[in-house]
Amino acid sequence: MKSHIAYISGGSNIGNGLLNCKNGIAALTESGACVLKNQSRFYKTEPVDYKNQRWFVNFAVKIETALNPFQLLNKLKSIERDAGRTYDSVRFGPRILDLDIIMYDDIVINSSVLMVPHPRMHKRRFVLRSVCDIDQKIVHPVLKKNMKQLLDELNDKKQGMVRCQ
């Protein structure tokens, strides 16, 4: 069975965000369907879009998996639900755990349920900084720029971000 490399971005701002994120990473690898290859630092980050909420704890991981992108998406949604996430809340609002596929190999998917690479990743400091911790030379398959270039070009200084202790 062919294995694939995927980058997952995660975050939490309900309860113990750092513990929620660590538990999410553990759940991702427990089944054996995903092998953790590398992980970013954890960051406290200012909310984007919906501002009236607590800061998030965010991270990114690089995984190896035999799951196809849609199976991986289902796995991530299952982990979110198991963590207590509900989907009836405000868009971009508070969440106990959020896991997104940022990139999957170098493929591009545009479906009603999944878009890869993530359509807003190049506008999110917390995603770019976290992926740069892992490998700043990975190239965005649509924009044809590496993660460091995208981070350097990001001009939204309002996205506050500090490393977790």
N, C-alpha and C. Protein backbone atom coordinates (compact mmCIF):
# COMPACT_ATOMS: atom_id res chain seq x y z
N MET A 1 0.84 -1.19 0.00
CA MET A 1 0.00 0.00 0.00
C MET A 1 0.89 1.25 0.00
N LYS A 2 0.58 2.19 -0.86
CA LYS A 2 1.38 3.40 -0.99
C LYS A 2 1.19 4.30 0.22
N SER A 3 2.27 4.89 0.68
CA SER A 3 2.14 5.84 1.78
C SER A 3 2.26 7.26 1.24
N HIS A 4 1.64 8.17 1.96
CA HIS A 4 1.55 9.57 1.56
C HIS A 4 2.03 10.45 2.71
N ILE A 5 2.48 11.64 2.36
CA ILE A 5 2.86 12.63 3.36
C ILE A 5 1.79 13.70 3.40
N ALA A 6 1.31 13.98 4.61
CA ALA A 6 0.30 15.03 4.80
C ALA A 6 0.75 15.94 5.93
N TYR A 7 0.33 17.18 5.83
CA TYR A 7 0.55 18.17 6.87
C TYR A 7 -0.81 18.53 7.44
N ILE A 8 -0.90 18.44 8.76
CA ILE A 8 -2.14 18.71 9.47
C ILE A 8 -1.91 19.90 10.39
N SER A 9 -2.84 20.86 10.37
CA SER A 9 -2.81 21.98 11.29
C SER A 9 -3.89 21.75 12.34
N GLY A 10 -3.57 22.06 13.59
CA GLY A 10 -4.54 21.85 14.65
C GLY A 10 -4.58 23.02 15.60
N GLY A 11 -5.71 23.10 16.32
CA GLY A 11 -5.85 24.17 17.30
C GLY A 11 -6.98 23.91 18.27
N SER A 12 -6.94 24.65 19.38
CA SER A 12 -7.96 24.55 20.41
C SER A 12 -8.00 25.83 21.22
N ASN A 13 -9.21 26.27 21.61
CA ASN A 13 -9.30 27.40 22.54
C ASN A 13 -10.43 27.22 23.55
N ILE A 14 -10.84 25.97 23.77
CA ILE A 14 -11.82 25.66 24.82
C ILE A 14 -11.14 24.72 25.80
N GLY A 15 -11.26 25.02 27.09
CA GLY A 15 -10.64 24.17 28.10
C GLY A 15 -9.13 24.32 28.06
N ASN A 16 -8.42 23.22 28.29
CA ASN A 16 -6.96 23.23 28.27
C ASN A 16 -6.50 23.01 26.82
N GLY A 17 -6.29 24.10 26.12
CA GLY A 17 -5.96 24.04 24.70
C GLY A 17 -4.72 23.22 24.40
N LEU A 18 -3.68 23.37 25.20
CA LEU A 18 -2.44 22.63 24.97
C LEU A 18 -2.68 21.13 25.13
N LEU A 19 -3.39 20.74 26.18
CA LEU A 19 -3.68 19.32 26.39
C LEU A 19 -4.59 18.79 25.29
N ASN A 20 -5.58 19.57 24.87
CA ASN A 20 -6.46 19.15 23.77
C ASN A 20 -5.66 18.87 22.51
N CYS A 21 -4.70 19.75 22.21
CA CYS A 21 -3.87 19.58 21.02
C CYS A 21 -3.00 18.34 21.13
N LYS A 22 -2.37 18.15 22.29
CA LYS A 22 -1.52 16.97 22.50
C LYS A 22 -2.35 15.69 22.38
N ASN A 23 -3.56 15.71 22.94
CA ASN A 23 -4.44 14.54 22.85
C ASN A 23 -4.86 14.28 21.40
N GLY A 24 -5.07 15.34 20.63
CA GLY A 24 -5.42 15.21 19.22
C GLY A 24 -4.30 14.55 18.42
N ILE A 25 -3.06 14.94 18.70
CA ILE A 25 -1.91 14.33 18.03
C ILE A 25 -1.81 12.85 18.41
N ALA A 26 -1.99 12.55 19.69
CA ALA A 26 -1.93 11.16 20.16
C ALA A 26 -3.02 10.33 19.47
N ALA A 27 -4.22 10.86 19.38
CA ALA A 27 -5.33 10.13 18.76
C ALA A 27 -5.05 9.87 17.27
N LEU A 28 -4.38 10.80 16.64
CA LEU A 28 -4.07 10.66 15.22
C LEU A 28 -3.13 9.48 14.97
N THR A 29 -2.23 9.24 15.89
CA THR A 29 -1.22 8.20 15.68
C THR A 29 -1.57 6.87 16.36
N GLU A 30 -2.51 6.88 17.32
CA GLU A 30 -2.83 5.67 18.09
C GLU A 30 -3.30 4.50 17.22
N SER A 31 -4.08 4.79 16.21
CA SER A 31 -4.66 3.70 15.40
C SER A 31 -3.63 3.02 14.51
N GLY A 32 -2.49 3.68 14.31
CA GLY A 32 -1.48 3.13 13.41
C GLY A 32 -1.71 3.54 11.96
N ALA A 33 -2.83 4.19 11.66
CA ALA A 33 -3.12 4.64 10.30
C ALA A 33 -2.26 5.83 9.90
N CYS A 34 -1.73 6.54 10.91
CA CYS A 34 -0.89 7.71 10.66
C CYS A 34 0.36 7.62 11.53
N VAL A 35 1.50 7.87 10.93
CA VAL A 35 2.77 7.86 11.66
C VAL A 35 3.27 9.30 11.74
N LEU A 36 3.54 9.75 12.94
CA LEU A 36 4.05 11.10 13.15
C LEU A 36 5.50 11.17 12.67
N LYS A 37 5.77 12.04 11.71
CA LYS A 37 7.12 12.20 11.17
C LYS A 37 7.83 13.43 11.76
N ASN A 38 7.05 14.47 12.07
CA ASN A 38 7.62 15.69 12.64
C ASN A 38 6.49 16.54 13.19
N GLN A 39 6.85 17.45 14.08
CA GLN A 39 5.85 18.29 14.74
C GLN A 39 6.43 19.67 14.98
N SER A 40 5.58 20.68 14.87
CA SER A 40 5.98 22.05 15.16
C SER A 40 5.97 22.30 16.66
N ARG A 41 6.40 23.46 17.04
CA ARG A 41 6.20 23.94 18.41
C ARG A 41 4.70 24.22 18.58
N PHE A 42 4.30 24.45 19.82
CA PHE A 42 2.94 24.91 20.09
C PHE A 42 2.98 26.42 20.25
N TYR A 43 1.95 27.09 19.71
CA TYR A 43 1.87 28.54 19.77
C TYR A 43 0.52 28.98 20.32
N LYS A 44 0.54 30.08 21.07
CA LYS A 44 -0.71 30.76 21.43
C LYS A 44 -0.93 31.81 20.34
N THR A 45 -2.12 31.79 19.75
CA THR A 45 -2.35 32.66 18.60
C THR A 45 -3.68 33.41 18.73
N GLU A 46 -3.63 34.62 18.25
CA GLU A 46 -4.82 35.48 18.25
C GLU A 46 -5.84 34.94 17.26
N PRO A 47 -7.12 34.95 17.64
CA PRO A 47 -8.14 34.47 16.69
C PRO A 47 -8.17 35.30 15.41
N VAL A 48 -8.49 34.64 14.32
CA VAL A 48 -8.62 35.29 13.01
C VAL A 48 -10.08 35.20 12.60
N ASP A 49 -10.59 36.21 11.93
CA ASP A 49 -11.97 36.29 11.43
C ASP A 49 -12.96 36.56 12.57
N TYR A 50 -13.21 35.61 13.44
CA TYR A 50 -14.12 35.83 14.57
C TYR A 50 -13.26 36.15 15.79
N LYS A 51 -13.19 37.44 16.14
CA LYS A 51 -12.22 37.92 17.13
C LYS A 51 -12.66 37.77 18.58
N ASN A 52 -13.96 37.72 18.85
CA ASN A 52 -14.48 37.76 20.22
C ASN A 52 -14.42 36.37 20.87
N GLN A 53 -13.20 35.90 21.12
CA GLN A 53 -12.99 34.59 21.73
C GLN A 53 -11.57 34.52 22.27
N ARG A 54 -11.30 33.49 23.08
CA ARG A 54 -9.96 33.28 23.64
C ARG A 54 -8.96 33.01 22.52
N TRP A 55 -7.68 33.29 22.83
CA TRP A 55 -6.60 32.93 21.92
C TRP A 55 -6.55 31.40 21.80
N PHE A 56 -6.05 30.92 20.70
CA PHE A 56 -5.93 29.49 20.43
C PHE A 56 -4.54 28.98 20.80
N VAL A 57 -4.45 27.68 21.00
CA VAL A 57 -3.17 26.98 20.95
C VAL A 57 -3.17 26.29 19.60
N ASN A 58 -2.11 26.50 18.81
CA ASN A 58 -2.02 25.93 17.47
C ASN A 58 -0.71 25.17 17.28
N PHE A 59 -0.71 24.27 16.30
CA PHE A 59 0.45 23.45 15.96
C PHE A 59 0.25 22.90 14.55
N ALA A 60 1.30 22.27 14.04
CA ALA A 60 1.20 21.50 12.79
C ALA A 60 2.01 20.22 12.97
N VAL A 61 1.58 19.19 12.26
CA VAL A 61 2.33 17.93 12.23
C VAL A 61 2.50 17.47 10.80
N LYS A 62 3.56 16.73 10.60
CA LYS A 62 3.80 16.04 9.33
C LYS A 62 3.57 14.57 9.63
N ILE A 63 2.70 13.94 8.84
CA ILE A 63 2.41 12.52 9.05
C ILE A 63 2.63 11.74 7.77
N GLU A 64 2.85 10.45 7.95
CA GLU A 64 2.86 9.51 6.83
C GLU A 64 1.64 8.62 7.01
N THR A 65 0.89 8.41 5.93
CA THR A 65 -0.34 7.64 6.04
C THR A 65 -0.64 6.89 4.75
N ALA A 66 -1.33 5.77 4.88
CA ALA A 66 -1.83 5.04 3.71
C ALA A 66 -3.26 5.48 3.40
N LEU A 67 -3.86 6.28 4.29
CA LEU A 67 -5.22 6.76 4.06
C LEU A 67 -5.25 7.72 2.87
N ASN A 68 -6.30 7.65 2.06
CA ASN A 68 -6.46 8.65 1.01
C ASN A 68 -6.95 9.94 1.67
N PRO A 69 -6.95 11.07 0.96
CA PRO A 69 -7.31 12.35 1.59
C PRO A 69 -8.70 12.34 2.23
N PHE A 70 -9.66 11.67 1.63
CA PHE A 70 -11.02 11.67 2.17
C PHE A 70 -11.12 10.77 3.40
N GLN A 71 -10.38 9.67 3.41
CA GLN A 71 -10.32 8.83 4.60
C GLN A 71 -9.63 9.58 5.75
N LEU A 72 -8.59 10.33 5.41
CA LEU A 72 -7.88 11.12 6.42
C LEU A 72 -8.81 12.20 6.98
N LEU A 73 -9.55 12.85 6.12
CA LEU A 73 -10.51 13.85 6.59
C LEU A 73 -11.51 13.22 7.56
N ASN A 74 -12.03 12.05 7.23
CA ASN A 74 -12.98 11.36 8.11
C ASN A 74 -12.33 11.02 9.45
N LYS A 75 -11.06 10.61 9.40
CA LYS A 75 -10.32 10.30 10.64
C LYS A 75 -10.20 11.56 11.50
N LEU A 76 -9.86 12.70 10.89
CA LEU A 76 -9.72 13.95 11.64
C LEU A 76 -11.05 14.37 12.27
N LYS A 77 -12.13 14.26 11.51
CA LYS A 77 -13.46 14.63 12.02
C LYS A 77 -13.86 13.72 13.18
N SER A 78 -13.52 12.44 13.09
CA SER A 78 -13.81 11.50 14.16
C SER A 78 -13.04 11.86 15.43
N ILE A 79 -11.77 12.24 15.29
CA ILE A 79 -10.96 12.65 16.44
C ILE A 79 -11.55 13.91 17.07
N GLU A 80 -11.98 14.87 16.23
CA GLU A 80 -12.60 16.09 16.76
C GLU A 80 -13.86 15.75 17.56
N ARG A 81 -14.71 14.91 17.00
CA ARG A 81 -15.96 14.52 17.69
C ARG A 81 -15.66 13.81 19.01
N ASP A 82 -14.68 12.90 18.98
CA ASP A 82 -14.31 12.18 20.20
C ASP A 82 -13.78 13.13 21.28
N ALA A 83 -13.18 14.24 20.86
CA ALA A 83 -12.67 15.24 21.80
C ALA A 83 -13.80 16.11 22.36
N GLY A 84 -14.99 16.01 21.77
CA GLY A 84 -16.13 16.78 22.25
C GLY A 84 -16.54 17.93 21.36
N ARG A 85 -15.98 17.97 20.17
CA ARG A 85 -16.32 19.07 19.27
C ARG A 85 -17.74 18.95 18.74
N THR A 86 -18.42 20.08 18.70
CA THR A 86 -19.73 20.16 18.06
C THR A 86 -19.61 21.13 16.90
N TYR A 87 -20.48 20.97 15.93
CA TYR A 87 -20.36 21.77 14.71
C TYR A 87 -21.51 22.76 14.53
N ASP A 88 -22.21 23.06 15.61
CA ASP A 88 -23.33 23.99 15.51
C ASP A 88 -22.93 25.39 15.99
N SER A 89 -21.65 25.60 16.18
CA SER A 89 -21.18 26.88 16.71
C SER A 89 -20.90 27.89 15.59
N VAL A 90 -20.45 29.04 15.99
CA VAL A 90 -20.14 30.15 15.07
C VAL A 90 -18.98 29.74 14.17
N ARG A 91 -19.08 30.08 12.87
CA ARG A 91 -17.98 29.80 11.94
C ARG A 91 -16.73 30.53 12.43
N PHE A 92 -15.62 29.82 12.48
CA PHE A 92 -14.34 30.31 12.99
C PHE A 92 -14.39 30.62 14.49
N GLY A 93 -15.43 30.14 15.17
CA GLY A 93 -15.60 30.41 16.59
C GLY A 93 -14.83 29.43 17.46
N PRO A 94 -15.11 29.48 18.77
CA PRO A 94 -14.41 28.61 19.72
C PRO A 94 -14.58 27.13 19.39
N ARG A 95 -13.52 26.36 19.59
CA ARG A 95 -13.62 24.92 19.39
C ARG A 95 -12.65 24.19 20.29
N ILE A 96 -13.10 23.03 20.73
CA ILE A 96 -12.28 22.21 21.62
C ILE A 96 -11.11 21.60 20.87
N LEU A 97 -11.32 21.27 19.59
CA LEU A 97 -10.24 20.74 18.75
C LEU A 97 -10.62 20.94 17.29
N ASP A 98 -9.69 21.46 16.53
CA ASP A 98 -9.87 21.67 15.10
C ASP A 98 -8.65 21.07 14.41
N LEU A 99 -8.88 20.16 13.47
CA LEU A 99 -7.79 19.52 12.72
C LEU A 99 -8.08 19.66 11.24
N ASP A 100 -7.15 20.25 10.50
CA ASP A 100 -7.32 20.48 9.07
C ASP A 100 -6.17 19.90 8.28
N ILE A 101 -6.49 19.32 7.12
CA ILE A 101 -5.45 18.90 6.18
C ILE A 101 -4.96 20.16 5.47
N ILE A 102 -3.69 20.45 5.63
CA ILE A 102 -3.09 21.63 5.00
C ILE A 102 -2.57 21.28 3.62
N MET A 103 -1.83 20.18 3.56
CA MET A 103 -1.34 19.67 2.27
C MET A 103 -1.31 18.15 2.34
N TYR A 104 -1.45 17.53 1.18
CA TYR A 104 -1.41 16.08 1.07
C TYR A 104 -0.59 15.77 -0.17
N ASP A 105 0.61 15.21 0.03
CA ASP A 105 1.58 15.08 -1.06
C ASP A 105 1.64 16.43 -1.78
N ASP A 106 1.59 16.42 -3.10
CA ASP A 106 1.55 17.71 -3.80
C ASP A 106 0.28 17.80 -4.65
N ILE A 107 -0.76 17.10 -4.20
CA ILE A 107 -1.99 17.07 -4.99
C ILE A 107 -2.89 18.26 -4.67
N VAL A 108 -3.78 18.53 -5.59
CA VAL A 108 -4.78 19.59 -5.45
C VAL A 108 -6.15 18.93 -5.52
N ILE A 109 -6.99 19.20 -4.52
CA ILE A 109 -8.36 18.68 -4.48
C ILE A 109 -9.31 19.85 -4.31
N ASN A 110 -10.32 19.90 -5.15
CA ASN A 110 -11.35 20.92 -5.05
C ASN A 110 -12.71 20.23 -5.06
N SER A 111 -13.14 19.74 -3.91
CA SER A 111 -14.44 19.09 -3.84
C SER A 111 -15.32 19.83 -2.85
N SER A 112 -16.57 19.46 -2.79
CA SER A 112 -17.50 20.14 -1.88
C SER A 112 -17.18 19.85 -0.41
N VAL A 113 -16.47 18.76 -0.14
CA VAL A 113 -16.16 18.41 1.26
C VAL A 113 -14.69 18.63 1.64
N LEU A 114 -13.81 18.77 0.65
CA LEU A 114 -12.39 18.89 0.95
C LEU A 114 -11.68 19.72 -0.11
N MET A 115 -10.90 20.69 0.38
CA MET A 115 -10.04 21.47 -0.51
C MET A 115 -8.60 21.35 -0.01
N VAL A 116 -7.73 20.87 -0.88
CA VAL A 116 -6.31 20.71 -0.56
C VAL A 116 -5.51 21.29 -1.72
N PRO A 117 -4.51 22.11 -1.46
CA PRO A 117 -4.11 22.59 -0.15
C PRO A 117 -5.22 23.44 0.49
N HIS A 118 -5.13 23.58 1.81
CA HIS A 118 -6.16 24.34 2.53
C HIS A 118 -6.26 25.73 1.92
N PRO A 119 -7.50 26.18 1.59
CA PRO A 119 -7.66 27.42 0.83
C PRO A 119 -7.25 28.70 1.55
N ARG A 120 -7.10 28.67 2.87
CA ARG A 120 -6.71 29.89 3.59
C ARG A 120 -5.34 29.77 4.26
N MET A 121 -4.64 28.66 4.02
CA MET A 121 -3.37 28.45 4.73
C MET A 121 -2.36 29.57 4.49
N HIS A 122 -2.31 30.10 3.28
CA HIS A 122 -1.31 31.14 2.96
C HIS A 122 -1.65 32.49 3.59
N LYS A 123 -2.83 32.59 4.22
CA LYS A 123 -3.25 33.82 4.88
C LYS A 123 -3.19 33.70 6.40
N ARG A 124 -2.73 32.57 6.89
CA ARG A 124 -2.75 32.28 8.33
C ARG A 124 -1.33 32.15 8.87
N ARG A 125 -0.92 33.14 9.66
CA ARG A 125 0.42 33.13 10.25
C ARG A 125 0.64 31.87 11.08
N PHE A 126 -0.38 31.46 11.86
CA PHE A 126 -0.20 30.30 12.73
C PHE A 126 0.02 29.01 11.95
N VAL A 127 -0.54 28.92 10.74
CA VAL A 127 -0.32 27.74 9.90
C VAL A 127 1.08 27.80 9.29
N LEU A 128 1.41 28.91 8.67
CA LEU A 128 2.70 29.04 7.98
C LEU A 128 3.87 28.92 8.95
N ARG A 129 3.79 29.59 10.11
CA ARG A 129 4.87 29.53 11.10
C ARG A 129 5.05 28.09 11.58
N SER A 130 3.94 27.41 11.85
CA SER A 130 4.01 26.03 12.35
C SER A 130 4.59 25.09 11.30
N VAL A 131 4.16 25.23 10.05
CA VAL A 131 4.70 24.38 8.99
C VAL A 131 6.17 24.70 8.76
N CYS A 132 6.55 25.97 8.87
CA CYS A 132 7.96 26.34 8.74
C CYS A 132 8.83 25.70 9.82
N ASP A 133 8.27 25.47 11.01
CA ASP A 133 9.02 24.75 12.06
C ASP A 133 9.43 23.37 11.57
N ILE A 134 8.58 22.77 10.75
CA ILE A 134 8.81 21.41 10.26
C ILE A 134 9.71 21.42 9.03
N ASP A 135 9.34 22.24 8.04
CA ASP A 135 10.13 22.32 6.80
C ASP A 135 9.72 23.56 6.02
N GLN A 136 10.54 24.59 6.08
CA GLN A 136 10.18 25.85 5.42
C GLN A 136 10.37 25.81 3.91
N LYS A 137 10.93 24.73 3.40
CA LYS A 137 11.18 24.65 1.95
C LYS A 137 10.08 23.92 1.18
N ILE A 138 9.07 23.40 1.88
CA ILE A 138 7.99 22.70 1.16
C ILE A 138 7.28 23.73 0.29
N VAL A 139 6.95 23.32 -0.92
CA VAL A 139 6.34 24.23 -1.88
C VAL A 139 4.83 24.03 -1.93
N HIS A 140 4.12 25.14 -1.86
CA HIS A 140 2.66 25.14 -2.02
C HIS A 140 2.36 24.72 -3.46
N PRO A 141 1.56 23.65 -3.66
CA PRO A 141 1.38 23.11 -5.00
C PRO A 141 0.60 24.01 -5.97
N VAL A 142 -0.08 25.03 -5.47
CA VAL A 142 -0.81 25.95 -6.35
C VAL A 142 -0.05 27.26 -6.51
N LEU A 143 0.40 27.82 -5.39
CA LEU A 143 1.06 29.13 -5.43
C LEU A 143 2.52 29.03 -5.86
N LYS A 144 3.09 27.81 -5.84
CA LYS A 144 4.47 27.55 -6.29
C LYS A 144 5.51 28.37 -5.51
N LYS A 145 5.22 28.62 -4.23
CA LYS A 145 6.17 29.29 -3.35
C LYS A 145 6.36 28.40 -2.13
N ASN A 146 7.55 28.49 -1.52
CA ASN A 146 7.76 27.67 -0.33
C ASN A 146 7.16 28.37 0.89
N MET A 147 7.08 27.62 1.98
CA MET A 147 6.41 28.12 3.19
C MET A 147 7.07 29.37 3.75
N LYS A 148 8.40 29.42 3.70
CA LYS A 148 9.12 30.60 4.20
C LYS A 148 8.77 31.83 3.37
N GLN A 149 8.70 31.69 2.05
CA GLN A 149 8.32 32.82 1.19
C GLN A 149 6.91 33.30 1.54
N LEU A 150 5.99 32.36 1.69
CA LEU A 150 4.60 32.72 2.01
C LEU A 150 4.52 33.43 3.36
N LEU A 151 5.27 32.94 4.34
CA LEU A 151 5.28 33.57 5.66
C LEU A 151 5.88 34.98 5.57
N ASP A 152 6.98 35.12 4.85
CA ASP A 152 7.63 36.43 4.70
C ASP A 152 6.73 37.43 3.98
N GLU A 153 5.88 36.95 3.06
CA GLU A 153 5.00 37.83 2.29
C GLU A 153 3.71 38.18 3.02
N LEU A 154 3.42 37.47 4.11
CA LEU A 154 2.18 37.72 4.84
C LEU A 154 2.24 39.10 5.46
N ASN A 155 1.30 39.95 5.10
CA ASN A 155 1.37 41.34 5.57
C ASN A 155 0.37 41.65 6.68
N ASP A 156 -0.35 40.65 7.18
CA ASP A 156 -1.31 40.89 8.25
C ASP A 156 -0.60 40.80 9.59
N LYS A 157 -0.19 41.94 10.12
CA LYS A 157 0.54 41.99 11.38
C LYS A 157 -0.40 41.84 12.58
N LYS A 158 -1.70 41.77 12.33
CA LYS A 158 -2.68 41.68 13.41
C LYS A 158 -2.81 40.26 13.95
N GLN A 159 -2.15 39.32 13.34
CA GLN A 159 -2.25 37.93 13.77
C GLN A 159 -1.19 37.66 14.85
N GLY A 160 -1.52 38.03 16.09
CA GLY A 160 -0.60 37.86 17.20
C GLY A 160 -0.27 36.40 17.44
N MET A 161 0.97 36.15 17.85
CA MET A 161 1.42 34.77 18.00
C MET A 161 2.62 34.74 18.93
N VAL A 162 2.56 33.86 19.96
CA VAL A 162 3.69 33.67 20.87
C VAL A 162 3.87 32.18 21.13
N ARG A 163 5.11 31.76 21.35
CA ARG A 163 5.37 30.34 21.64
C ARG A 163 4.81 29.98 23.01
N CYS A 164 4.24 28.79 23.10
CA CYS A 164 3.81 28.27 24.40
C CYS A 164 5.05 27.87 25.17
N GLN A 165 4.98 27.99 26.48
CA GLN A 165 6.13 27.62 27.33
C GLN A 165 6.26 26.13 27.43
